[in-house]
Amino acid sequence: MSTLRCSPSSTDLLEGRSSGDWSGPGRPLCEPDPRPDDEPMRRWARANGFLVNDRGRVPASIRDAYENSRR
């Protein structure tokens, strides 16, 4: 007798059948909220001539410049 307990959908995956609700490894179910300091950093970057997207990761060069301006 196996001590491994699986839900029906994980059992299906182990047997090679898909229950249709698995999105794959590494894919979050929802997008995480941006860091709380990203929006002020984006506003600062735009006001200081940097090109920055509305969404996604803020480049390290902009983060560094922002941090240096705050010191």
N, C-alpha and C. Protein backbone atom coordinates (compact mmCIF):
# COMPACT_ATOMS: atom_id res chain seq x y z
N MET A 1 0.85 -1.19 0.00
CA MET A 1 0.00 0.00 0.00
C MET A 1 0.87 1.23 0.00
N SER A 2 0.56 2.19 -0.81
CA SER A 2 1.34 3.42 -0.92
C SER A 2 0.90 4.41 0.16
N THR A 3 1.87 5.14 0.70
CA THR A 3 1.56 6.17 1.69
C THR A 3 1.38 7.53 1.03
N LEU A 4 1.62 7.60 -0.27
CA LEU A 4 1.47 8.85 -1.02
C LEU A 4 0.00 9.07 -1.33
N ARG A 5 -0.52 10.20 -0.89
CA ARG A 5 -1.92 10.52 -1.18
C ARG A 5 -1.95 11.67 -2.18
N CYS A 6 -2.75 11.52 -3.18
CA CYS A 6 -2.85 12.54 -4.23
C CYS A 6 -4.30 12.89 -4.45
N SER A 7 -4.50 14.14 -4.83
CA SER A 7 -5.85 14.53 -5.24
C SER A 7 -6.11 13.90 -6.60
N PRO A 8 -7.36 13.80 -7.02
CA PRO A 8 -7.64 13.18 -8.33
C PRO A 8 -6.90 13.85 -9.48
N SER A 9 -6.78 15.18 -9.44
CA SER A 9 -6.11 15.84 -10.57
C SER A 9 -4.61 15.54 -10.58
N SER A 10 -3.97 15.46 -9.40
CA SER A 10 -2.54 15.14 -9.39
C SER A 10 -2.33 13.69 -9.76
N THR A 11 -3.26 12.80 -9.41
CA THR A 11 -3.17 11.41 -9.82
C THR A 11 -3.26 11.32 -11.34
N ASP A 12 -4.18 12.08 -11.93
CA ASP A 12 -4.29 12.09 -13.38
C ASP A 12 -2.98 12.53 -14.02
N LEU A 13 -2.33 13.54 -13.45
CA LEU A 13 -1.07 14.02 -14.00
C LEU A 13 0.02 12.97 -13.89
N LEU A 14 0.05 12.26 -12.76
CA LEU A 14 1.05 11.22 -12.57
C LEU A 14 0.84 10.08 -13.55
N GLU A 15 -0.39 9.82 -13.93
CA GLU A 15 -0.69 8.74 -14.86
C GLU A 15 -0.65 9.20 -16.31
N GLY A 16 -0.33 10.50 -16.55
CA GLY A 16 -0.23 10.98 -17.90
C GLY A 16 -1.52 11.55 -18.46
N ARG A 17 -2.56 11.62 -17.64
CA ARG A 17 -3.81 12.21 -18.09
C ARG A 17 -3.92 13.59 -17.49
N SER A 18 -4.46 14.49 -18.22
CA SER A 18 -4.63 15.86 -17.73
C SER A 18 -6.07 16.11 -17.36
N SER A 19 -6.26 16.77 -16.23
CA SER A 19 -7.62 17.14 -15.83
C SER A 19 -8.01 18.48 -16.47
N GLY A 20 -7.05 19.14 -17.15
CA GLY A 20 -7.34 20.37 -17.86
C GLY A 20 -7.17 21.64 -17.05
N ASP A 21 -6.84 21.52 -15.76
CA ASP A 21 -6.72 22.73 -14.94
C ASP A 21 -5.29 23.02 -14.52
N TRP A 22 -4.34 22.37 -15.11
CA TRP A 22 -2.94 22.58 -14.74
C TRP A 22 -2.30 23.51 -15.76
N SER A 23 -1.71 24.62 -15.30
CA SER A 23 -1.16 25.60 -16.24
C SER A 23 0.33 25.41 -16.51
N GLY A 24 0.97 24.48 -15.85
CA GLY A 24 2.38 24.20 -16.11
C GLY A 24 3.27 24.75 -15.03
N PRO A 25 4.51 24.30 -15.01
CA PRO A 25 5.44 24.74 -13.96
C PRO A 25 5.85 26.20 -14.15
N GLY A 26 5.97 26.91 -13.06
CA GLY A 26 6.49 28.27 -13.10
C GLY A 26 5.50 29.33 -13.52
N ARG A 27 4.30 28.98 -13.79
CA ARG A 27 3.31 29.98 -14.20
C ARG A 27 2.42 30.32 -13.01
N PRO A 28 2.46 31.56 -12.55
CA PRO A 28 1.59 31.92 -11.43
C PRO A 28 0.13 31.98 -11.89
N LEU A 29 -0.78 31.73 -10.96
CA LEU A 29 -2.20 31.79 -11.29
C LEU A 29 -2.64 33.22 -11.54
N CYS A 30 -1.99 34.17 -10.88
CA CYS A 30 -2.29 35.58 -11.09
C CYS A 30 -0.99 36.36 -10.99
N GLU A 31 -1.00 37.53 -11.53
CA GLU A 31 0.18 38.38 -11.47
C GLU A 31 0.33 38.95 -10.06
N PRO A 32 1.53 38.92 -9.51
CA PRO A 32 1.72 39.52 -8.19
C PRO A 32 1.58 41.03 -8.25
N ASP A 33 1.20 41.61 -7.14
CA ASP A 33 1.10 43.06 -7.07
C ASP A 33 2.48 43.66 -7.22
N PRO A 34 2.59 44.82 -7.88
CA PRO A 34 3.91 45.45 -7.98
C PRO A 34 4.40 45.88 -6.61
N ARG A 35 5.67 46.03 -6.50
CA ARG A 35 6.23 46.49 -5.23
C ARG A 35 5.63 47.84 -4.90
N PRO A 36 5.41 48.12 -3.63
CA PRO A 36 4.76 49.38 -3.26
C PRO A 36 5.54 50.61 -3.70
N ASP A 37 6.86 50.51 -3.83
CA ASP A 37 7.65 51.68 -4.20
C ASP A 37 7.86 51.81 -5.70
N ASP A 38 7.28 50.91 -6.50
CA ASP A 38 7.48 50.98 -7.95
C ASP A 38 6.84 52.20 -8.58
N GLU A 39 5.62 52.53 -8.20
CA GLU A 39 4.93 53.65 -8.86
C GLU A 39 5.61 54.98 -8.57
N PRO A 40 5.99 55.30 -7.33
CA PRO A 40 6.74 56.55 -7.12
C PRO A 40 8.06 56.55 -7.89
N MET A 41 8.69 55.38 -7.98
CA MET A 41 9.96 55.27 -8.72
C MET A 41 9.72 55.53 -10.21
N ARG A 42 8.65 55.02 -10.75
CA ARG A 42 8.33 55.25 -12.17
C ARG A 42 8.06 56.73 -12.42
N ARG A 43 7.29 57.37 -11.52
CA ARG A 43 7.03 58.81 -11.66
C ARG A 43 8.33 59.60 -11.61
N TRP A 44 9.21 59.26 -10.67
CA TRP A 44 10.50 59.95 -10.55
C TRP A 44 11.32 59.75 -11.83
N ALA A 45 11.33 58.53 -12.34
CA ALA A 45 12.11 58.23 -13.55
C ALA A 45 11.62 59.06 -14.74
N ARG A 46 10.31 59.12 -14.91
CA ARG A 46 9.77 59.91 -16.03
C ARG A 46 10.08 61.39 -15.87
N ALA A 47 9.97 61.89 -14.65
CA ALA A 47 10.25 63.32 -14.40
C ALA A 47 11.72 63.65 -14.62
N ASN A 48 12.58 62.63 -14.54
CA ASN A 48 14.01 62.85 -14.70
C ASN A 48 14.54 62.33 -16.04
N GLY A 49 13.66 62.14 -17.01
CA GLY A 49 14.09 61.83 -18.36
C GLY A 49 14.35 60.37 -18.67
N PHE A 50 14.01 59.47 -17.77
CA PHE A 50 14.20 58.04 -18.04
C PHE A 50 12.96 57.51 -18.74
N LEU A 51 13.16 56.56 -19.64
CA LEU A 51 12.04 55.86 -20.27
C LEU A 51 11.76 54.61 -19.44
N VAL A 52 10.54 54.50 -18.94
CA VAL A 52 10.18 53.36 -18.11
C VAL A 52 8.76 52.91 -18.46
N ASN A 53 8.56 51.61 -18.52
CA ASN A 53 7.24 51.06 -18.86
C ASN A 53 6.28 51.22 -17.68
N ASP A 54 4.99 51.17 -18.00
CA ASP A 54 3.96 51.25 -16.97
C ASP A 54 3.89 49.98 -16.14
N ARG A 55 4.28 48.86 -16.74
CA ARG A 55 4.21 47.58 -16.06
C ARG A 55 5.53 46.85 -16.20
N GLY A 56 5.71 45.82 -15.39
CA GLY A 56 6.90 44.99 -15.47
C GLY A 56 8.00 45.48 -14.57
N ARG A 57 9.13 44.85 -14.71
CA ARG A 57 10.28 45.13 -13.87
C ARG A 57 10.88 46.49 -14.21
N VAL A 58 11.22 47.22 -13.18
CA VAL A 58 11.93 48.49 -13.36
C VAL A 58 13.41 48.14 -13.49
N PRO A 59 14.08 48.59 -14.55
CA PRO A 59 15.49 48.25 -14.74
C PRO A 59 16.36 48.65 -13.55
N ALA A 60 17.40 47.87 -13.33
CA ALA A 60 18.32 48.09 -12.21
C ALA A 60 18.97 49.47 -12.29
N SER A 61 19.25 49.93 -13.50
CA SER A 61 19.90 51.24 -13.64
C SER A 61 18.98 52.35 -13.13
N ILE A 62 17.68 52.22 -13.36
CA ILE A 62 16.72 53.21 -12.86
C ILE A 62 16.56 53.08 -11.36
N ARG A 63 16.50 51.85 -10.85
CA ARG A 63 16.43 51.64 -9.40
C ARG A 63 17.64 52.26 -8.70
N ASP A 64 18.81 52.02 -9.27
CA ASP A 64 20.04 52.58 -8.67
C ASP A 64 20.01 54.11 -8.66
N ALA A 65 19.62 54.70 -9.80
CA ALA A 65 19.56 56.16 -9.90
C ALA A 65 18.55 56.72 -8.90
N TYR A 66 17.42 56.06 -8.76
CA TYR A 66 16.38 56.50 -7.84
C TYR A 66 16.91 56.43 -6.39
N GLU A 67 17.52 55.32 -6.04
CA GLU A 67 18.07 55.16 -4.69
C GLU A 67 19.15 56.21 -4.40
N ASN A 68 20.02 56.48 -5.39
CA ASN A 68 21.07 57.47 -5.21
C ASN A 68 20.49 58.88 -5.04
N SER A 69 19.36 59.15 -5.69
CA SER A 69 18.75 60.48 -5.56
C SER A 69 18.09 60.67 -4.21
N ARG A 70 17.77 59.58 -3.53
CA ARG A 70 17.09 59.65 -2.25
C ARG A 70 18.06 59.80 -1.07
N ARG A 71 19.34 59.69 -1.35
CA ARG A 71 20.36 59.77 -0.26
C ARG A 71 20.76 61.17 0.02
